Amino acid sequence: MQSSISISASTQTKVAVVGAGTMGSSIAVALLGSGFGVLLKETEQAFLDKGLANIDRLFASRMKKGLSAEEVADQKSRLETTLSYEHFSEVDFVIEAAPENLEIKKQIFQELDQWCHVDAILATNTSSLSITQIANFVRRADKVVGLHFFNPAHIMKLVEVIPGLETSHDTVARALDLARSMGKLAVRVEECASFLVNRLLGRYMNESLFQLQNGASVEEIDKAVCDFVMPIGPLALRDMNGADIGLAVAKYNYQEYGARFAVPPILEAMVQKNLLGQKTMGGFYCYDPETRKRTTVNTDFLKTLQALEHEEKVKVEANNSFTAERLFLPMINEAFLAMQERICQPEDLDAALMAGLGMRKGPLTLASEIGLAHCLAMLEEAGASSIDQKERFRPAPLLKRFVWAGRSSVL
């Protein structure tokens, strides 16, 4: 019989968070700010102290924006910390926020399975790992769900709720209930590599690098997309997140989806040269070591690109036809593939991309404004221009069907 326990801050529900790192501490602050009690667990006191210091920093930032000292004291009074699972039998919902390592998550979920009561929901904040695989580590696969918060969790509105193969409807409903009780836009996303937002983001991020190879400049690309629809350019964003992280994600997506997610040679070369972005003070841009703000385009990156061209690993061509629309074509196409696979409800797709990435318009709205027939024509033209681009721009069958049906918009 399925449990009907409701997840609501109004009942002072206590939620356990496993991991007090950047995401775990941010998730804890988001829960506290929504009225929940939080049991925060770490493996060592030093890690816990670091997490608590980060929580204090986040609350200090909120006080600067108007949160009163009394409100902070009230929220922090609902925070408990622990180095063991001893009190996990008292919680109805657990959010695991450990590093993206399957063996670490396996150990955590096996412990949770032993200590948590039978009706407790076990959620993972993974951004890429299989929910079904993680659920297989416990004897209650029906109670395991993905709860993917976006960083920083106490600010970003989107939460992707991802059921595994065995996740029950009740578990999904309770996960959606929890996220919505936190004031989040909770979107159910069917399980697939990188889920919804990061899957579509990956296509766009890769294409920005391919456009560099086609002769567009770093500043030209970032300015064009900011003018068009994004709050930050893809190359500045890659520098923020780190080229090494970007490469790992790109390789994973290529492994899972194949040729349309081909890894741009530039990205691998940048990692080899330690041009990782802000963390090394140099990526596509140079960064001021004191302010960490970007200054100029990095000449070391330009030299790396020239070296790749010299080695004939890329062919940089003078390109006077770069447009932001061209850069978003792969994202738009992937959106149609996601709809075709029923990864989410069509009406949720744009809202998720806007909440998760800060886009001013989602990919389906962009497709409708550009014109579905024009999107199809551009994809076909790009795919026919070279063998390398054929799979990157192979039109989604659903997009072709929309055009054949004479549709002018998606929704």
Protein backbone atom coordinates (compact mmCIF):
# COMPACT_ATOMS: atom_id res chain seq x y z
CA MET A 1 0.00 0.00 0.00
CA GLN A 2 1.38 3.39 -1.00
CA SER A 3 2.10 5.98 1.68
CA SER A 4 0.06 9.17 1.67
CA ILE A 5 2.40 11.23 3.87
CA SER A 6 2.23 14.83 2.69
CA ILE A 7 5.40 16.86 2.39
CA SER A 8 4.64 20.32 3.64
CA ALA A 9 6.58 22.96 5.53
CA SER A 10 3.43 23.85 7.45
CA THR A 11 3.69 20.59 9.39
CA GLN A 12 7.31 21.33 10.33
CA THR A 13 8.47 18.32 8.32
CA LYS A 14 12.13 17.55 8.86
CA VAL A 15 14.17 16.87 5.73
CA ALA A 16 17.60 15.29 5.90
CA VAL A 17 20.34 16.54 3.57
CA VAL A 18 23.35 14.27 3.08
CA GLY A 19 26.40 16.31 2.14
CA ALA A 20 27.22 19.86 3.32
CA GLY A 21 29.17 20.93 0.26
CA THR A 22 28.22 23.78 -2.07
CA MET A 23 24.95 22.19 -3.19
CA GLY A 24 24.05 20.55 0.11
CA SER A 25 24.46 23.75 2.14
CA SER A 26 22.52 25.73 -0.48
CA ILE A 27 19.69 23.17 -0.48
CA ALA A 28 19.64 23.34 3.34
CA VAL A 29 19.25 27.14 3.23
CA ALA A 30 16.43 26.80 0.67
CA LEU A 31 14.62 24.32 2.94
CA LEU A 32 15.10 26.43 6.06
CA GLY A 33 13.82 29.49 4.24
CA SER A 34 10.66 27.58 3.32
CA GLY A 35 9.85 26.55 6.88
CA PHE A 36 11.30 23.05 6.97
CA GLY A 37 13.46 21.56 9.68
CA VAL A 38 16.77 20.27 8.31
CA LEU A 39 19.06 17.49 9.50
CA LEU A 40 22.40 18.10 7.75
CA LYS A 41 24.88 15.22 7.64
CA GLU A 42 28.55 15.06 6.80
CA THR A 43 31.24 12.39 7.18
CA GLU A 44 33.76 14.50 9.11
CA GLN A 45 33.54 17.49 11.45
CA ALA A 46 35.86 19.54 9.22
CA PHE A 47 33.50 19.10 6.26
CA LEU A 48 30.53 19.95 8.44
CA ASP A 49 32.23 23.09 9.77
CA LYS A 50 32.97 24.18 6.21
CA GLY A 51 29.33 23.63 5.25
CA LEU A 52 28.08 25.60 8.25
CA ALA A 53 30.43 28.46 7.36
CA ASN A 54 28.95 28.48 3.87
CA ILE A 55 25.43 28.52 5.33
CA ASP A 56 26.39 31.51 7.50
CA ARG A 57 27.74 33.26 4.40
CA LEU A 58 24.50 32.61 2.50
CA PHE A 59 22.41 33.96 5.39
CA ALA A 60 24.66 37.03 5.63
CA SER A 61 24.01 37.67 1.95
CA ARG A 62 20.27 37.34 2.52
CA MET A 63 20.40 39.80 5.40
CA LYS A 64 21.96 42.36 3.06
CA LYS A 65 18.90 41.88 0.85
CA GLY A 66 16.43 42.47 3.68
CA LEU A 67 16.13 39.30 5.77
CA SER A 68 15.97 40.30 9.44
CA ALA A 69 18.24 38.96 12.18
CA GLU A 70 15.14 37.49 13.86
CA GLU A 71 14.18 35.60 10.72
CA VAL A 72 17.72 34.27 10.35
CA ALA A 73 17.73 33.13 13.99
CA ASP A 74 14.36 31.39 13.48
CA GLN A 75 15.53 29.59 10.36
CA LYS A 76 18.86 28.52 11.83
CA SER A 77 17.07 27.22 14.94
CA ARG A 78 15.52 24.53 12.73
CA LEU A 79 18.93 23.27 11.57
CA GLU A 80 20.45 20.19 13.19
CA THR A 81 23.77 18.63 12.23
CA THR A 82 25.14 15.13 12.52
CA LEU A 83 28.03 12.89 11.56
CA SER A 84 25.95 9.69 11.77
CA TYR A 85 22.68 8.24 10.47
CA GLU A 86 21.38 7.65 14.00
CA HIS A 87 18.42 10.07 13.74
CA PHE A 88 17.51 9.39 10.12
CA SER A 89 14.62 7.19 11.27
CA GLU A 90 12.87 10.45 12.24
CA VAL A 91 12.77 12.00 8.76
CA ASP A 92 10.26 11.47 5.96
CA PHE A 93 12.42 12.79 3.14
CA VAL A 94 16.17 12.60 2.43
CA ILE A 95 18.05 14.58 -0.22
CA GLU A 96 21.49 13.20 -1.08
CA ALA A 97 23.84 15.95 -2.29
CA ALA A 98 27.17 14.13 -2.38
CA PRO A 99 29.77 14.35 -5.20
CA GLU A 100 28.87 12.93 -8.63
CA ASN A 101 30.51 9.58 -7.98
CA LEU A 102 28.45 6.41 -8.29
CA GLU A 103 30.42 4.49 -5.64
CA ILE A 104 29.96 7.28 -3.10
CA LYS A 105 26.23 7.39 -3.80
CA LYS A 106 26.01 3.59 -3.56
CA GLN A 107 27.48 3.64 -0.06
CA ILE A 108 25.16 6.47 1.03
CA PHE A 109 22.00 4.86 -0.31
CA GLN A 110 22.80 1.52 1.25
CA GLU A 111 23.19 3.29 4.61
CA LEU A 112 19.95 5.21 4.08
CA ASP A 113 18.15 1.97 3.27
CA GLN A 114 19.18 0.57 6.66
CA TRP A 115 18.49 3.64 8.81
CA CYS A 116 15.41 5.35 7.27
CA HIS A 117 11.87 4.20 8.00
CA VAL A 118 10.10 2.25 5.27
CA ASP A 119 8.00 5.16 3.98
CA ALA A 120 10.84 7.68 3.72
CA ILE A 121 11.60 9.07 0.26
CA LEU A 122 15.25 8.86 -0.79
CA ALA A 123 16.08 11.58 -3.34
CA THR A 124 19.33 12.17 -5.18
CA ASN A 125 20.45 15.58 -6.43
CA THR A 126 22.49 14.04 -9.24
CA SER A 127 22.66 16.10 -12.41
CA SER A 128 23.57 13.21 -14.70
CA LEU A 129 23.73 9.76 -13.08
CA SER A 130 21.00 7.19 -13.62
CA ILE A 131 18.18 7.29 -11.07
CA THR A 132 17.36 3.66 -11.89
CA GLN A 133 20.95 2.59 -11.23
CA ILE A 134 21.04 4.44 -7.90
CA ALA A 135 17.65 2.95 -6.94
CA ASN A 136 19.07 -0.52 -7.51
CA PHE A 137 21.36 0.00 -4.49
CA VAL A 138 18.40 -0.21 -2.09
CA ARG A 139 15.51 -2.54 -1.31
CA ARG A 140 12.96 0.21 -1.94
CA ALA A 141 13.52 1.27 -5.53
CA ASP A 142 9.96 2.61 -5.59
CA LYS A 143 10.96 5.24 -3.01
CA VAL A 144 13.99 6.59 -4.92
CA VAL A 145 13.67 9.70 -7.11
CA GLY A 146 15.86 12.32 -8.71
CA LEU A 147 15.49 15.83 -7.28
CA HIS A 148 17.83 17.95 -9.39
CA PHE A 149 18.26 21.43 -7.94
CA PHE A 150 20.05 24.08 -9.97
CA ASN A 151 23.00 25.95 -8.49
CA PRO A 152 22.64 27.98 -6.33
CA ALA A 153 19.70 26.01 -4.97
CA HIS A 154 18.52 28.74 -2.56
CA ILE A 155 18.10 31.15 -5.50
CA MET A 156 17.38 29.16 -8.67
CA LYS A 157 13.69 28.37 -9.14
CA LEU A 158 13.87 25.14 -11.12
CA VAL A 159 13.85 21.61 -9.72
CA GLU A 160 13.73 18.66 -12.10
CA VAL A 161 11.90 15.69 -10.58
CA ILE A 162 13.08 12.50 -12.26
CA PRO A 163 11.54 9.08 -11.61
CA GLY A 164 13.58 5.94 -12.18
CA LEU A 165 12.15 2.85 -13.82
CA GLU A 166 10.70 1.56 -10.53
CA THR A 167 9.78 4.89 -8.87
CA SER A 168 6.16 4.93 -7.72
CA HIS A 169 3.60 7.58 -8.62
CA ASP A 170 3.26 8.39 -4.91
CA THR A 171 7.01 9.05 -4.63
CA VAL A 172 6.94 11.38 -7.63
CA ALA A 173 3.92 13.21 -6.20
CA ARG A 174 5.64 13.67 -2.85
CA ALA A 175 8.83 14.93 -4.51
CA LEU A 176 6.84 17.44 -6.58
CA ASP A 177 4.99 18.47 -3.41
CA LEU A 178 8.26 19.08 -1.54
CA ALA A 179 9.78 21.15 -4.35
CA ARG A 180 6.63 23.24 -4.73
CA SER A 181 6.47 23.77 -0.96
CA MET A 182 9.92 25.37 -1.37
CA GLY A 183 8.50 27.80 -3.92
CA LYS A 184 10.21 26.05 -6.82
CA LEU A 185 9.07 25.40 -10.36
CA ALA A 186 8.95 21.60 -10.14
CA VAL A 187 9.00 19.88 -13.52
CA ARG A 188 8.65 16.14 -13.97
CA VAL A 189 11.32 14.90 -16.36
CA GLU A 190 11.61 11.34 -17.61
CA GLU A 191 14.98 9.69 -17.08
CA CYS A 192 17.57 10.32 -19.79
CA ALA A 193 21.22 11.34 -19.87
CA SER A 194 21.65 14.88 -18.46
CA PHE A 195 17.84 15.02 -18.02
CA LEU A 196 16.14 17.97 -19.74
CA VAL A 197 17.80 21.34 -19.17
CA ASN A 198 21.42 20.19 -19.17
CA ARG A 199 20.76 17.99 -22.19
CA LEU A 200 19.55 20.95 -24.23
CA LEU A 201 22.23 23.19 -22.76
CA GLY A 202 24.91 20.73 -23.88
CA ARG A 203 23.91 21.04 -27.53
CA TYR A 204 24.06 24.83 -27.35
CA MET A 205 27.37 24.90 -25.46
CA ASN A 206 29.00 22.53 -27.94
CA GLU A 207 27.75 24.56 -30.89
CA SER A 208 29.32 27.72 -29.49
CA LEU A 209 32.71 25.99 -29.72
CA PHE A 210 32.06 24.74 -33.23
CA GLN A 211 31.18 28.31 -34.21
CA LEU A 212 34.60 29.43 -32.95
CA GLN A 213 36.07 26.94 -35.40
CA ASN A 214 33.91 28.47 -38.10
CA GLY A 215 35.55 31.83 -37.56
CA ALA A 216 33.27 33.62 -35.10
CA SER A 217 35.13 35.40 -32.28
CA VAL A 218 34.78 34.83 -28.54
CA GLU A 219 33.31 38.27 -27.91
CA GLU A 220 31.06 38.09 -30.97
CA ILE A 221 29.46 34.86 -29.80
CA ASP A 222 28.91 35.95 -26.19
CA LYS A 223 27.53 39.36 -27.16
CA ALA A 224 25.19 37.93 -29.79
CA VAL A 225 23.52 35.44 -27.46
CA CYS A 226 23.17 38.00 -24.64
CA ASP A 227 21.53 40.42 -27.04
CA PHE A 228 19.33 37.59 -28.30
CA VAL A 229 18.01 35.73 -25.27
CA MET A 230 20.63 34.68 -22.68
CA PRO A 231 21.80 36.38 -19.44
CA ILE A 232 25.41 35.25 -20.05
CA GLY A 233 27.33 34.08 -23.10
CA PRO A 234 28.19 30.36 -23.51
CA LEU A 235 31.94 30.94 -23.42
CA ALA A 236 31.80 33.08 -20.28
CA LEU A 237 29.54 30.40 -18.77
CA ARG A 238 32.00 27.66 -19.70
CA ASP A 239 34.75 29.64 -17.96
CA MET A 240 32.58 29.92 -14.85
CA ASN A 241 31.82 26.20 -14.69
CA GLY A 242 35.26 25.01 -15.78
CA ALA A 243 36.40 23.48 -19.06
CA ASP A 244 37.30 20.25 -17.24
CA ILE A 245 33.73 19.85 -15.97
CA GLY A 246 32.46 20.78 -19.42
CA LEU A 247 34.63 18.14 -21.08
CA ALA A 248 33.49 15.40 -18.70
CA VAL A 249 29.83 16.26 -19.38
CA ALA A 250 30.42 16.52 -23.15
CA LYS A 251 32.08 13.10 -23.25
CA TYR A 252 29.27 11.57 -21.20
CA ASN A 253 26.60 13.00 -23.50
CA TYR A 254 28.51 11.82 -26.58
CA GLN A 255 28.70 8.34 -25.06
CA GLU A 256 24.96 8.32 -24.40
CA TYR A 257 23.58 10.12 -27.46
CA GLY A 258 26.15 9.64 -30.18
CA ALA A 259 27.36 11.83 -33.05
CA ARG A 260 25.06 14.82 -32.60
CA PHE A 261 26.81 15.40 -29.26
CA ALA A 262 30.29 15.21 -30.80
CA VAL A 263 32.92 16.76 -28.52
CA PRO A 264 34.53 19.89 -30.02
CA PRO A 265 38.33 19.44 -30.31
CA ILE A 266 38.87 22.90 -28.80
CA LEU A 267 37.44 21.80 -25.46
CA GLU A 268 39.80 18.85 -25.11
CA ALA A 269 42.77 21.01 -26.10
CA MET A 270 41.88 23.65 -23.49
CA VAL A 271 41.79 21.05 -20.73
CA GLN A 272 45.17 19.68 -21.86
CA LYS A 273 46.59 23.23 -21.71
CA ASN A 274 44.97 23.85 -18.28
CA LEU A 275 42.88 26.69 -19.71
CA LEU A 276 39.99 25.84 -17.41
CA GLY A 277 38.45 29.28 -16.93
CA GLN A 278 38.06 31.22 -13.69
CA LYS A 279 39.62 28.47 -11.58
CA THR A 280 42.96 28.88 -13.44
CA MET A 281 42.47 32.61 -14.16
CA GLY A 282 42.39 31.87 -17.87
CA GLY A 283 40.04 30.14 -20.29
CA PHE A 284 38.40 31.88 -23.21
CA TYR A 285 38.98 35.05 -21.21
CA CYS A 286 41.65 36.29 -18.79
CA TYR A 287 40.58 37.04 -15.21
CA ASP A 288 41.76 39.52 -12.62
CA PRO A 289 43.19 37.43 -9.75
CA GLU A 290 41.84 39.88 -7.16
CA THR A 291 38.31 40.54 -8.41
CA ARG A 292 37.99 37.33 -10.47
CA LYS A 293 36.25 39.42 -13.13
CA ARG A 294 37.03 38.80 -16.78
CA THR A 295 39.25 41.28 -18.54
CA THR A 296 40.22 40.42 -22.12
CA VAL A 297 40.08 37.48 -24.51
CA ASN A 298 42.85 35.07 -23.55
CA THR A 299 45.71 35.05 -26.08
CA ASP A 300 46.69 31.57 -24.83
CA PHE A 301 43.28 30.33 -25.99
CA LEU A 302 43.78 31.96 -29.40
CA LYS A 303 47.19 30.29 -29.68
CA THR A 304 45.62 26.95 -28.79
CA LEU A 305 43.02 27.39 -31.51
CA GLN A 306 45.73 28.32 -34.03
CA ALA A 307 47.75 25.24 -33.02
CA LEU A 308 44.74 23.00 -33.65
CA GLU A 309 44.32 24.54 -37.07
CA HIS A 310 48.03 24.02 -37.80
CA GLU A 311 47.70 20.37 -36.78
CA GLU A 312 44.64 20.17 -39.07
CA LYS A 313 42.43 19.05 -36.18
CA VAL A 314 40.14 21.97 -36.92
CA LYS A 315 39.70 24.23 -39.92
CA VAL A 316 39.05 27.81 -38.89
CA GLU A 317 37.21 29.62 -41.64
CA ALA A 318 36.42 33.29 -42.07
CA ASN A 319 32.76 33.44 -41.19
CA ASN A 320 30.79 36.61 -41.76
CA SER A 321 27.43 34.87 -41.47
CA PHE A 322 27.41 34.00 -37.76
CA THR A 323 24.05 34.63 -36.11
CA ALA A 324 22.69 33.81 -32.68
CA GLU A 325 19.84 31.94 -34.36
CA ARG A 326 22.33 29.49 -35.88
CA LEU A 327 23.82 28.89 -32.45
CA PHE A 328 20.42 27.95 -30.97
CA LEU A 329 19.42 25.60 -33.81
CA PRO A 330 20.86 22.48 -32.13
CA MET A 331 19.09 23.37 -28.86
CA ILE A 332 15.79 23.87 -30.71
CA ASN A 333 16.26 20.56 -32.54
CA GLU A 334 17.05 18.77 -29.27
CA ALA A 335 13.90 20.27 -27.76
CA PHE A 336 11.85 18.58 -30.50
CA LEU A 337 13.69 15.30 -29.87
CA ALA A 338 12.91 15.61 -26.15
CA MET A 339 9.23 16.24 -26.95
CA GLN A 340 9.26 13.28 -29.32
CA GLU A 341 10.62 11.09 -26.50
CA ARG A 342 8.03 12.55 -24.07
CA ILE A 343 10.78 13.61 -21.68
CA CYS A 344 8.47 16.25 -20.24
CA GLN A 345 5.14 17.87 -20.93
CA PRO A 346 5.51 20.26 -23.92
CA GLU A 347 4.12 23.16 -21.91
CA ASP A 348 6.83 22.63 -19.24
CA LEU A 349 9.79 22.73 -21.62
CA ASP A 350 10.20 26.46 -22.16
CA ALA A 351 9.41 27.24 -18.52
CA ALA A 352 12.11 24.80 -17.38
CA LEU A 353 14.76 26.29 -19.69
CA MET A 354 13.87 29.82 -18.64
CA ALA A 355 13.96 28.98 -14.92
CA GLY A 356 17.05 26.79 -15.16
CA LEU A 357 19.16 28.90 -17.53
CA GLY A 358 17.69 32.37 -17.21
CA MET A 359 16.64 32.46 -20.86
CA ARG A 360 14.23 35.26 -21.69
CA LYS A 361 12.47 32.96 -24.15
CA GLY A 362 12.52 29.18 -24.31
CA PRO A 363 13.60 27.14 -27.36
CA LEU A 364 10.05 26.33 -28.47
CA THR A 365 9.11 30.02 -28.42
CA LEU A 366 12.30 30.82 -30.34
CA ALA A 367 11.43 28.15 -32.90
CA SER A 368 7.96 29.61 -33.37
CA GLU A 369 9.33 33.16 -33.74
CA ILE A 370 12.04 32.10 -36.20
CA GLY A 371 9.46 29.99 -38.03
CA LEU A 372 9.31 26.22 -37.88
CA ALA A 373 9.77 25.88 -41.64
CA HIS A 374 12.74 28.23 -41.52
CA CYS A 375 14.29 26.25 -38.63
CA LEU A 376 13.94 23.07 -40.66
CA ALA A 377 15.45 24.68 -43.74
CA MET A 378 18.42 26.01 -41.76
CA LEU A 379 19.03 22.60 -40.17
CA GLU A 380 18.92 20.89 -43.56
CA GLU A 381 21.25 23.46 -45.08
CA ALA A 382 23.75 23.20 -42.21
CA GLY A 383 23.65 19.41 -42.28
CA ALA A 384 24.29 19.32 -46.02
CA SER A 385 27.32 21.64 -45.84
CA SER A 386 29.73 18.97 -44.57
CA ILE A 387 29.85 15.36 -43.42
CA ASP A 388 31.00 16.51 -39.97
CA GLN A 389 27.83 18.54 -39.53
CA LYS A 390 25.36 16.00 -40.88
CA GLU A 391 24.47 14.40 -37.54
CA ARG A 392 24.77 17.63 -35.55
CA PHE A 393 22.02 19.16 -37.65
CA ARG A 394 19.92 16.12 -38.59
CA PRO A 395 16.35 17.44 -38.14
CA ALA A 396 14.18 15.88 -35.46
CA PRO A 397 11.37 13.84 -37.09
CA LEU A 398 8.81 15.67 -34.92
CA LEU A 399 9.96 19.05 -36.26
CA LYS A 400 9.49 17.80 -39.81
CA ARG A 401 6.01 16.56 -38.96
CA PHE A 402 5.09 19.97 -37.49
CA VAL A 403 6.24 21.65 -40.70
CA TRP A 404 4.46 19.13 -42.93
CA ALA A 405 1.29 19.76 -40.94
CA GLY A 406 1.62 23.48 -41.67
CA ARG A 407 1.99 24.44 -38.01
CA SER A 408 3.30 27.93 -37.38
CA SER A 409 3.95 27.45 -33.64
CA VAL A 410 4.60 24.62 -31.21
CA LEU A 411 2.18 25.18 -28.33
